[in-house]
């Protein structure tokens, strides 16, 4: 019980320094406008439904998908808070929030397919195709991270 209150004091101190999130001890969460993080399980929501961060398989996962201008702001504020707390994050892009990781897998697969189609087009520049290949490799690494979270 004492450790929990010390954690609350530490979070209170850090959020005071950030000037963003407010500690809501009654709800056991941090809040800012339409975004909050539940401190019981460290799941963060934008607009009460879009999971922006959560712990999956012992890793803090942060959704960096640009859902809306406000959600982008929420993402940056949550990322800043997690950095201030010293929590390492794994970033992924899931259009429907972290509650639907399959949407992120489908997004990346479609992006890879589009890039491969562009590479296969006749008369494309070599330098452009090399850049596309690098992007495909980056996307494959992201896909591996997402698949590891689902497994």
N, C-alpha and C. Protein backbone atom coordinates (compact mmCIF):
# COMPACT_ATOMS: atom_id res chain seq x y z
N UNK A 1 0.82 -1.20 0.00
CA UNK A 1 0.00 0.00 0.00
C UNK A 1 0.86 1.26 0.00
N UNK A 2 1.94 1.24 0.77
CA UNK A 2 2.82 2.41 0.82
C UNK A 2 3.49 2.63 -0.53
N UNK A 3 3.95 1.56 -1.18
CA UNK A 3 4.59 1.69 -2.48
C UNK A 3 3.66 2.32 -3.50
N UNK A 4 2.37 1.97 -3.43
CA UNK A 4 1.40 2.53 -4.36
C UNK A 4 1.29 4.04 -4.18
N UNK A 5 1.24 4.50 -2.93
CA UNK A 5 1.13 5.93 -2.69
C UNK A 5 2.40 6.66 -3.12
N UNK A 6 3.57 6.00 -2.95
CA UNK A 6 4.81 6.61 -3.43
C UNK A 6 4.78 6.74 -4.94
N UNK A 7 4.29 5.70 -5.61
CA UNK A 7 4.16 5.78 -7.07
C UNK A 7 3.24 6.93 -7.46
N UNK A 8 2.13 7.09 -6.72
CA UNK A 8 1.20 8.18 -7.03
C UNK A 8 1.89 9.53 -6.87
N UNK A 9 2.69 9.66 -5.79
CA UNK A 9 3.40 10.92 -5.58
C UNK A 9 4.38 11.17 -6.72
N UNK A 10 5.08 10.12 -7.15
CA UNK A 10 6.04 10.27 -8.25
C UNK A 10 5.32 10.67 -9.53
N UNK A 11 4.21 10.00 -9.82
CA UNK A 11 3.43 10.34 -11.01
C UNK A 11 2.92 11.76 -10.90
N UNK A 12 2.45 12.15 -9.70
CA UNK A 12 1.96 13.51 -9.50
C UNK A 12 3.05 14.53 -9.76
N UNK A 13 4.26 14.24 -9.27
CA UNK A 13 5.37 15.15 -9.47
C UNK A 13 5.70 15.27 -10.95
N UNK A 14 5.78 14.15 -11.65
CA UNK A 14 6.14 14.17 -13.06
C UNK A 14 5.06 14.88 -13.88
N UNK A 15 3.78 14.58 -13.59
CA UNK A 15 2.72 15.23 -14.36
C UNK A 15 2.68 16.72 -14.08
N UNK A 16 3.06 17.11 -12.88
CA UNK A 16 3.13 18.54 -12.57
C UNK A 16 4.21 19.20 -13.44
N UNK A 17 5.34 18.51 -13.58
CA UNK A 17 6.41 19.03 -14.42
C UNK A 17 5.96 19.12 -15.88
N UNK A 18 5.19 18.13 -16.37
CA UNK A 18 4.73 18.15 -17.75
C UNK A 18 3.65 19.19 -17.96
N UNK A 19 2.86 19.42 -16.93
CA UNK A 19 1.78 20.38 -17.07
C UNK A 19 0.66 19.90 -17.96
N UNK A 20 0.55 18.60 -18.20
CA UNK A 20 -0.45 18.07 -19.11
C UNK A 20 -1.50 17.26 -18.38
N UNK A 21 -1.14 16.06 -18.00
CA UNK A 21 -2.08 15.14 -17.38
C UNK A 21 -2.38 15.56 -15.94
N UNK A 22 -3.61 15.33 -15.54
CA UNK A 22 -4.00 15.56 -14.16
C UNK A 22 -4.24 14.21 -13.51
N UNK A 23 -3.78 14.08 -12.27
CA UNK A 23 -3.98 12.84 -11.53
C UNK A 23 -5.40 12.85 -10.97
N UNK A 24 -6.13 11.77 -11.24
CA UNK A 24 -7.48 11.59 -10.72
C UNK A 24 -7.46 10.37 -9.80
N UNK A 25 -7.10 10.56 -8.51
CA UNK A 25 -6.93 9.42 -7.62
C UNK A 25 -8.21 8.61 -7.42
N UNK A 26 -9.36 9.24 -7.48
CA UNK A 26 -10.62 8.51 -7.31
C UNK A 26 -10.80 7.45 -8.39
N UNK A 27 -10.46 7.81 -9.61
CA UNK A 27 -10.60 6.89 -10.74
C UNK A 27 -9.32 6.10 -10.99
N UNK A 28 -8.27 6.44 -10.26
CA UNK A 28 -6.96 5.82 -10.43
C UNK A 28 -6.48 5.96 -11.88
N UNK A 29 -6.53 7.19 -12.37
CA UNK A 29 -6.09 7.41 -13.74
C UNK A 29 -5.54 8.82 -13.93
N UNK A 30 -4.84 8.99 -15.04
CA UNK A 30 -4.32 10.28 -15.47
C UNK A 30 -5.21 10.77 -16.62
N UNK A 31 -5.57 12.04 -16.60
CA UNK A 31 -6.48 12.56 -17.62
C UNK A 31 -5.97 13.85 -18.23
N UNK A 32 -6.31 14.03 -19.48
CA UNK A 32 -6.14 15.30 -20.17
C UNK A 32 -7.18 15.36 -21.28
N UNK A 33 -7.96 16.40 -21.32
CA UNK A 33 -9.07 16.58 -22.26
C UNK A 33 -9.79 15.26 -22.51
N UNK A 34 -9.76 14.71 -23.69
CA UNK A 34 -10.50 13.49 -24.03
C UNK A 34 -9.61 12.27 -24.04
N UNK A 35 -8.56 12.28 -23.25
CA UNK A 35 -7.60 11.18 -23.20
C UNK A 35 -7.32 10.85 -21.74
N UNK A 36 -7.24 9.55 -21.45
CA UNK A 36 -6.86 9.15 -20.10
C UNK A 36 -6.09 7.84 -20.12
N UNK A 37 -5.32 7.63 -19.06
CA UNK A 37 -4.59 6.39 -18.85
C UNK A 37 -5.05 5.81 -17.53
N UNK A 38 -5.56 4.58 -17.58
CA UNK A 38 -5.98 3.87 -16.39
C UNK A 38 -4.73 3.29 -15.73
N UNK A 39 -4.44 3.72 -14.51
CA UNK A 39 -3.21 3.31 -13.83
C UNK A 39 -3.27 1.89 -13.29
N UNK A 40 -4.44 1.27 -13.29
CA UNK A 40 -4.54 -0.11 -12.81
C UNK A 40 -3.91 -1.08 -13.81
N UNK A 41 -4.10 -0.82 -15.10
CA UNK A 41 -3.53 -1.73 -16.11
C UNK A 41 -2.73 -0.98 -17.18
N UNK A 42 -2.56 0.33 -17.02
CA UNK A 42 -1.81 1.17 -17.94
C UNK A 42 -2.35 1.13 -19.36
N UNK A 43 -3.67 1.06 -19.48
CA UNK A 43 -4.31 1.17 -20.78
C UNK A 43 -4.76 2.61 -20.96
N UNK A 44 -4.39 3.20 -22.10
CA UNK A 44 -4.75 4.58 -22.38
C UNK A 44 -5.78 4.66 -23.48
N UNK A 45 -6.72 5.58 -23.33
CA UNK A 45 -7.80 5.74 -24.29
C UNK A 45 -7.87 7.17 -24.81
N UNK A 46 -8.19 7.28 -26.06
CA UNK A 46 -8.52 8.56 -26.67
C UNK A 46 -10.01 8.49 -26.99
N UNK A 47 -10.77 9.44 -26.48
CA UNK A 47 -12.22 9.48 -26.67
C UNK A 47 -12.93 8.24 -26.15
N UNK A 48 -12.46 7.70 -25.04
CA UNK A 48 -13.10 6.61 -24.31
C UNK A 48 -13.23 5.29 -25.07
N UNK A 49 -12.74 5.18 -26.29
CA UNK A 49 -12.86 3.89 -26.98
C UNK A 49 -11.60 3.50 -27.74
N UNK A 50 -10.84 4.47 -28.19
CA UNK A 50 -9.67 4.20 -29.04
C UNK A 50 -8.46 3.93 -28.16
N UNK A 51 -8.04 2.68 -28.09
CA UNK A 51 -6.89 2.33 -27.24
C UNK A 51 -5.60 2.87 -27.85
N UNK A 52 -4.99 3.79 -27.13
CA UNK A 52 -3.78 4.44 -27.63
C UNK A 52 -2.51 3.82 -27.04
N UNK A 53 -2.64 3.23 -25.85
CA UNK A 53 -1.51 2.50 -25.26
C UNK A 53 -2.03 1.43 -24.33
N UNK A 54 -1.25 0.36 -24.21
CA UNK A 54 -1.58 -0.70 -23.26
C UNK A 54 -0.42 -1.66 -23.14
N UNK A 55 -0.45 -2.44 -22.08
CA UNK A 55 0.59 -3.44 -21.86
C UNK A 55 0.12 -4.74 -22.50
N UNK A 56 0.94 -5.26 -23.43
CA UNK A 56 0.66 -6.52 -24.10
C UNK A 56 1.89 -7.40 -23.95
N UNK A 57 1.70 -8.60 -23.41
CA UNK A 57 2.80 -9.55 -23.19
C UNK A 57 3.97 -8.90 -22.44
N UNK A 58 3.65 -8.06 -21.47
CA UNK A 58 4.68 -7.44 -20.65
C UNK A 58 5.36 -6.23 -21.29
N UNK A 59 4.94 -5.83 -22.48
CA UNK A 59 5.52 -4.67 -23.16
C UNK A 59 4.51 -3.54 -23.20
N UNK A 60 4.97 -2.31 -23.01
CA UNK A 60 4.11 -1.16 -23.20
C UNK A 60 4.06 -0.88 -24.69
N UNK A 61 2.87 -0.94 -25.26
CA UNK A 61 2.67 -0.74 -26.69
C UNK A 61 1.95 0.58 -26.88
N UNK A 62 2.44 1.39 -27.81
CA UNK A 62 1.87 2.69 -28.10
C UNK A 62 1.45 2.73 -29.56
N UNK A 63 0.20 3.12 -29.79
CA UNK A 63 -0.34 3.19 -31.14
C UNK A 63 -0.01 4.54 -31.76
N UNK A 64 0.78 4.53 -32.82
CA UNK A 64 1.20 5.79 -33.45
C UNK A 64 0.42 6.08 -34.74
N UNK A 65 -0.68 5.38 -34.96
CA UNK A 65 -1.48 5.62 -36.17
C UNK A 65 -2.15 6.99 -36.07
N UNK A 66 -2.14 7.73 -37.18
CA UNK A 66 -2.74 9.07 -37.22
C UNK A 66 -4.24 8.97 -37.49
N UNK A 67 -5.01 8.68 -36.45
CA UNK A 67 -6.45 8.49 -36.59
C UNK A 67 -7.16 9.82 -36.83
N UNK A 68 -6.79 10.84 -36.05
CA UNK A 68 -7.38 12.17 -36.19
C UNK A 68 -6.39 13.18 -35.62
N UNK A 69 -6.57 14.46 -35.93
CA UNK A 69 -5.65 15.47 -35.38
C UNK A 69 -5.60 15.45 -33.84
N UNK A 70 -6.73 15.24 -33.20
CA UNK A 70 -6.75 15.21 -31.74
C UNK A 70 -6.05 13.97 -31.22
N UNK A 71 -6.27 12.84 -31.87
CA UNK A 71 -5.61 11.61 -31.43
C UNK A 71 -4.10 11.71 -31.60
N UNK A 72 -3.64 12.43 -32.61
CA UNK A 72 -2.21 12.66 -32.78
C UNK A 72 -1.67 13.44 -31.58
N UNK A 73 -2.42 14.44 -31.14
CA UNK A 73 -2.01 15.21 -29.96
C UNK A 73 -1.97 14.30 -28.72
N UNK A 74 -2.99 13.47 -28.59
CA UNK A 74 -3.02 12.54 -27.46
C UNK A 74 -1.81 11.60 -27.50
N UNK A 75 -1.51 11.10 -28.69
CA UNK A 75 -0.35 10.21 -28.86
C UNK A 75 0.92 10.89 -28.35
N UNK A 76 1.15 12.14 -28.77
CA UNK A 76 2.36 12.86 -28.37
C UNK A 76 2.40 13.10 -26.86
N UNK A 77 1.28 13.41 -26.27
CA UNK A 77 1.24 13.64 -24.82
C UNK A 77 1.50 12.35 -24.05
N UNK A 78 0.90 11.23 -24.52
CA UNK A 78 1.12 9.94 -23.85
C UNK A 78 2.58 9.52 -24.02
N UNK A 79 3.12 9.70 -25.21
CA UNK A 79 4.51 9.33 -25.46
C UNK A 79 5.45 10.13 -24.55
N UNK A 80 5.20 11.42 -24.43
CA UNK A 80 6.01 12.26 -23.56
C UNK A 80 5.92 11.78 -22.11
N UNK A 81 4.72 11.47 -21.65
CA UNK A 81 4.54 10.99 -20.29
C UNK A 81 5.30 9.69 -20.06
N UNK A 82 5.16 8.73 -20.98
CA UNK A 82 5.84 7.45 -20.83
C UNK A 82 7.36 7.63 -20.84
N UNK A 83 7.85 8.54 -21.68
CA UNK A 83 9.30 8.83 -21.68
C UNK A 83 9.73 9.42 -20.34
N UNK A 84 8.94 10.34 -19.80
CA UNK A 84 9.26 10.96 -18.52
C UNK A 84 9.29 9.92 -17.40
N UNK A 85 8.41 8.92 -17.51
CA UNK A 85 8.36 7.86 -16.50
C UNK A 85 9.43 6.81 -16.71
N UNK A 86 10.15 6.89 -17.83
CA UNK A 86 11.20 5.93 -18.12
C UNK A 86 10.68 4.58 -18.60
N UNK A 87 9.46 4.58 -19.14
CA UNK A 87 8.85 3.35 -19.62
C UNK A 87 9.20 3.18 -21.11
N UNK A 88 9.83 2.06 -21.44
CA UNK A 88 10.16 1.77 -22.84
C UNK A 88 8.90 1.35 -23.57
N UNK A 89 8.75 1.85 -24.80
CA UNK A 89 7.54 1.55 -25.56
C UNK A 89 7.90 0.86 -26.88
N UNK A 90 6.96 0.06 -27.35
CA UNK A 90 7.01 -0.50 -28.69
C UNK A 90 5.92 0.21 -29.46
N UNK A 91 6.29 0.87 -30.54
CA UNK A 91 5.31 1.61 -31.32
C UNK A 91 4.80 0.78 -32.48
N UNK A 92 3.49 0.81 -32.66
CA UNK A 92 2.83 0.13 -33.77
C UNK A 92 1.77 1.06 -34.34
N UNK A 93 1.28 0.71 -35.53
CA UNK A 93 0.21 1.50 -36.15
C UNK A 93 -1.01 0.60 -36.34
N UNK A 94 -2.07 0.89 -35.61
CA UNK A 94 -3.32 0.12 -35.70
C UNK A 94 -4.47 1.10 -35.93
N UNK A 95 -5.04 1.13 -37.14
CA UNK A 95 -6.08 2.11 -37.45
C UNK A 95 -7.30 2.08 -36.53
N UNK A 96 -7.64 0.92 -36.01
CA UNK A 96 -8.82 0.81 -35.15
C UNK A 96 -8.47 0.74 -33.67
N UNK A 97 -7.27 1.15 -33.33
CA UNK A 97 -6.84 1.13 -31.94
C UNK A 97 -6.19 -0.20 -31.58
N UNK A 98 -5.57 -0.23 -30.42
CA UNK A 98 -4.86 -1.43 -29.99
C UNK A 98 -5.81 -2.58 -29.65
N UNK A 99 -7.10 -2.29 -29.54
CA UNK A 99 -8.05 -3.36 -29.31
C UNK A 99 -8.24 -4.22 -30.56
N UNK A 100 -7.73 -3.74 -31.70
CA UNK A 100 -7.84 -4.49 -32.96
C UNK A 100 -6.47 -4.49 -33.65
N UNK A 101 -5.55 -5.30 -33.16
CA UNK A 101 -4.20 -5.35 -33.73
C UNK A 101 -4.23 -5.89 -35.15
N UNK A 102 -5.22 -6.73 -35.46
CA UNK A 102 -5.34 -7.28 -36.81
C UNK A 102 -5.48 -6.16 -37.84
N UNK A 103 -6.11 -5.04 -37.48
CA UNK A 103 -6.24 -3.92 -38.41
C UNK A 103 -4.86 -3.36 -38.77
N UNK A 104 -3.93 -3.37 -37.82
CA UNK A 104 -2.57 -2.92 -38.09
C UNK A 104 -1.84 -3.89 -39.00
N UNK A 105 -2.05 -5.18 -38.78
CA UNK A 105 -1.43 -6.20 -39.63
C UNK A 105 -1.94 -6.05 -41.07
N UNK A 106 -3.25 -5.88 -41.22
CA UNK A 106 -3.83 -5.71 -42.56
C UNK A 106 -3.32 -4.45 -43.24
N UNK A 107 -3.18 -3.37 -42.48
CA UNK A 107 -2.68 -2.11 -43.03
C UNK A 107 -1.28 -2.29 -43.60
N UNK A 108 -0.41 -2.90 -42.82
CA UNK A 108 0.98 -3.08 -43.26
C UNK A 108 1.07 -4.00 -44.46
N UNK A 109 0.29 -5.08 -44.45
CA UNK A 109 0.30 -5.99 -45.60
C UNK A 109 -0.14 -5.28 -46.87
N UNK A 110 -1.16 -4.43 -46.78
CA UNK A 110 -1.62 -3.71 -47.97
C UNK A 110 -0.57 -2.69 -48.44
N UNK A 111 0.13 -2.05 -47.50
CA UNK A 111 1.19 -1.10 -47.88
C UNK A 111 2.34 -1.83 -48.58
N UNK A 112 2.70 -3.01 -48.09
CA UNK A 112 3.76 -3.80 -48.73
C UNK A 112 3.35 -4.20 -50.14
N UNK A 113 2.10 -4.64 -50.29
CA UNK A 113 1.59 -5.04 -51.61
C UNK A 113 1.63 -3.88 -52.59
N UNK A 114 1.21 -2.70 -52.15
CA UNK A 114 1.22 -1.52 -53.03
C UNK A 114 2.64 -1.17 -53.46
N UNK A 115 3.58 -1.21 -52.52
CA UNK A 115 4.97 -0.90 -52.87
C UNK A 115 5.54 -1.93 -53.84
N UNK A 116 5.22 -3.21 -53.65
CA UNK A 116 5.70 -4.25 -54.56
C UNK A 116 5.12 -4.07 -55.95
N UNK A 117 3.86 -3.67 -56.03
CA UNK A 117 3.24 -3.40 -57.33
C UNK A 117 3.94 -2.23 -58.03
N UNK A 118 4.29 -1.20 -57.26
CA UNK A 118 4.99 -0.05 -57.86
C UNK A 118 6.39 -0.44 -58.34
N UNK A 119 7.05 -1.31 -57.59
CA UNK A 119 8.38 -1.77 -58.01
C UNK A 119 8.29 -2.56 -59.31
N UNK A 120 7.25 -3.35 -59.46
CA UNK A 120 7.08 -4.20 -60.63
C UNK A 120 6.60 -3.45 -61.88
N UNK A 121 6.20 -2.20 -61.71
CA UNK A 121 5.77 -1.41 -62.86
C UNK A 121 6.95 -1.19 -63.80
N UNK A 122 6.68 -1.23 -65.10
CA UNK A 122 7.78 -0.97 -66.05
C UNK A 122 8.24 0.49 -65.99
N UNK A 123 9.50 0.69 -66.30
CA UNK A 123 10.11 2.02 -66.41
C UNK A 123 10.09 2.82 -65.11
N UNK A 124 10.24 2.15 -63.98
CA UNK A 124 10.38 2.89 -62.73
C UNK A 124 11.87 3.08 -62.46
N UNK A 125 12.20 4.19 -61.84
CA UNK A 125 13.60 4.52 -61.58
C UNK A 125 14.21 3.57 -60.56
N UNK A 126 15.47 3.25 -60.78
CA UNK A 126 16.19 2.33 -59.89
C UNK A 126 16.27 2.90 -58.47
N UNK A 127 16.60 4.18 -58.35
CA UNK A 127 16.73 4.81 -57.02
C UNK A 127 15.39 4.81 -56.28
N UNK A 128 14.32 5.04 -57.01
CA UNK A 128 12.99 5.03 -56.41
C UNK A 128 12.65 3.62 -55.91
N UNK A 129 12.97 2.63 -56.72
CA UNK A 129 12.69 1.24 -56.32
C UNK A 129 13.55 0.81 -55.13
N UNK A 130 14.77 1.32 -55.05
CA UNK A 130 15.62 1.01 -53.90
C UNK A 130 15.02 1.60 -52.62
N UNK A 131 14.49 2.82 -52.73
CA UNK A 131 13.83 3.45 -51.59
C UNK A 131 12.59 2.64 -51.19
N UNK A 132 11.84 2.18 -52.18
CA UNK A 132 10.66 1.36 -51.91
C UNK A 132 11.05 0.05 -51.22
N UNK A 133 12.16 -0.54 -51.64
CA UNK A 133 12.64 -1.78 -51.00
C UNK A 133 12.98 -1.54 -49.53
N UNK A 134 13.62 -0.41 -49.25
CA UNK A 134 13.94 -0.06 -47.87
C UNK A 134 12.66 0.11 -47.05
N UNK A 135 11.66 0.77 -47.66
CA UNK A 135 10.37 0.93 -46.98
C UNK A 135 9.71 -0.42 -46.70
N UNK A 136 9.80 -1.33 -47.67
CA UNK A 136 9.23 -2.67 -47.48
C UNK A 136 9.93 -3.38 -46.32
N UNK A 137 11.24 -3.26 -46.23
CA UNK A 137 11.97 -3.89 -45.13
C UNK A 137 11.55 -3.31 -43.77
N UNK A 138 11.35 -2.00 -43.72
CA UNK A 138 10.88 -1.36 -42.50
C UNK A 138 9.48 -1.85 -42.14
N UNK A 139 8.63 -1.96 -43.14
CA UNK A 139 7.26 -2.44 -42.91
C UNK A 139 7.26 -3.90 -42.45
N UNK A 140 8.15 -4.70 -42.99
CA UNK A 140 8.23 -6.11 -42.57
C UNK A 140 8.65 -6.21 -41.10
N UNK A 141 9.55 -5.33 -40.68
CA UNK A 141 9.96 -5.31 -39.27
C UNK A 141 8.77 -4.93 -38.38
N UNK A 142 7.97 -3.96 -38.83
CA UNK A 142 6.77 -3.56 -38.10
C UNK A 142 5.78 -4.72 -38.03
N UNK A 143 5.65 -5.43 -39.15
CA UNK A 143 4.74 -6.57 -39.21
C UNK A 143 5.18 -7.67 -38.24
N UNK A 144 6.48 -7.90 -38.15
CA UNK A 144 7.00 -8.89 -37.20
C UNK A 144 6.67 -8.49 -35.76
N UNK A 145 6.81 -7.19 -35.44
CA UNK A 145 6.48 -6.72 -34.10
C UNK A 145 5.00 -6.95 -33.77
N UNK A 146 4.14 -6.65 -34.74
CA UNK A 146 2.69 -6.85 -34.53
C UNK A 146 2.37 -8.33 -34.37
N UNK A 147 2.94 -9.16 -35.21
CA UNK A 147 2.67 -10.59 -35.12
C UNK A 147 3.15 -11.16 -33.79
N UNK A 148 4.26 -10.64 -33.28
CA UNK A 148 4.77 -11.09 -31.97
C UNK A 148 3.80 -10.71 -30.85
N UNK A 149 3.11 -9.58 -30.98
CA UNK A 149 2.16 -9.17 -29.97
C UNK A 149 0.90 -10.05 -29.97
N UNK A 150 0.52 -10.52 -31.14
CA UNK A 150 -0.67 -11.34 -31.28
C UNK A 150 -0.40 -12.78 -30.81
N UNK A 151 0.83 -13.25 -31.01
CA UNK A 151 1.15 -14.65 -30.69
C UNK A 151 1.10 -14.94 -29.21
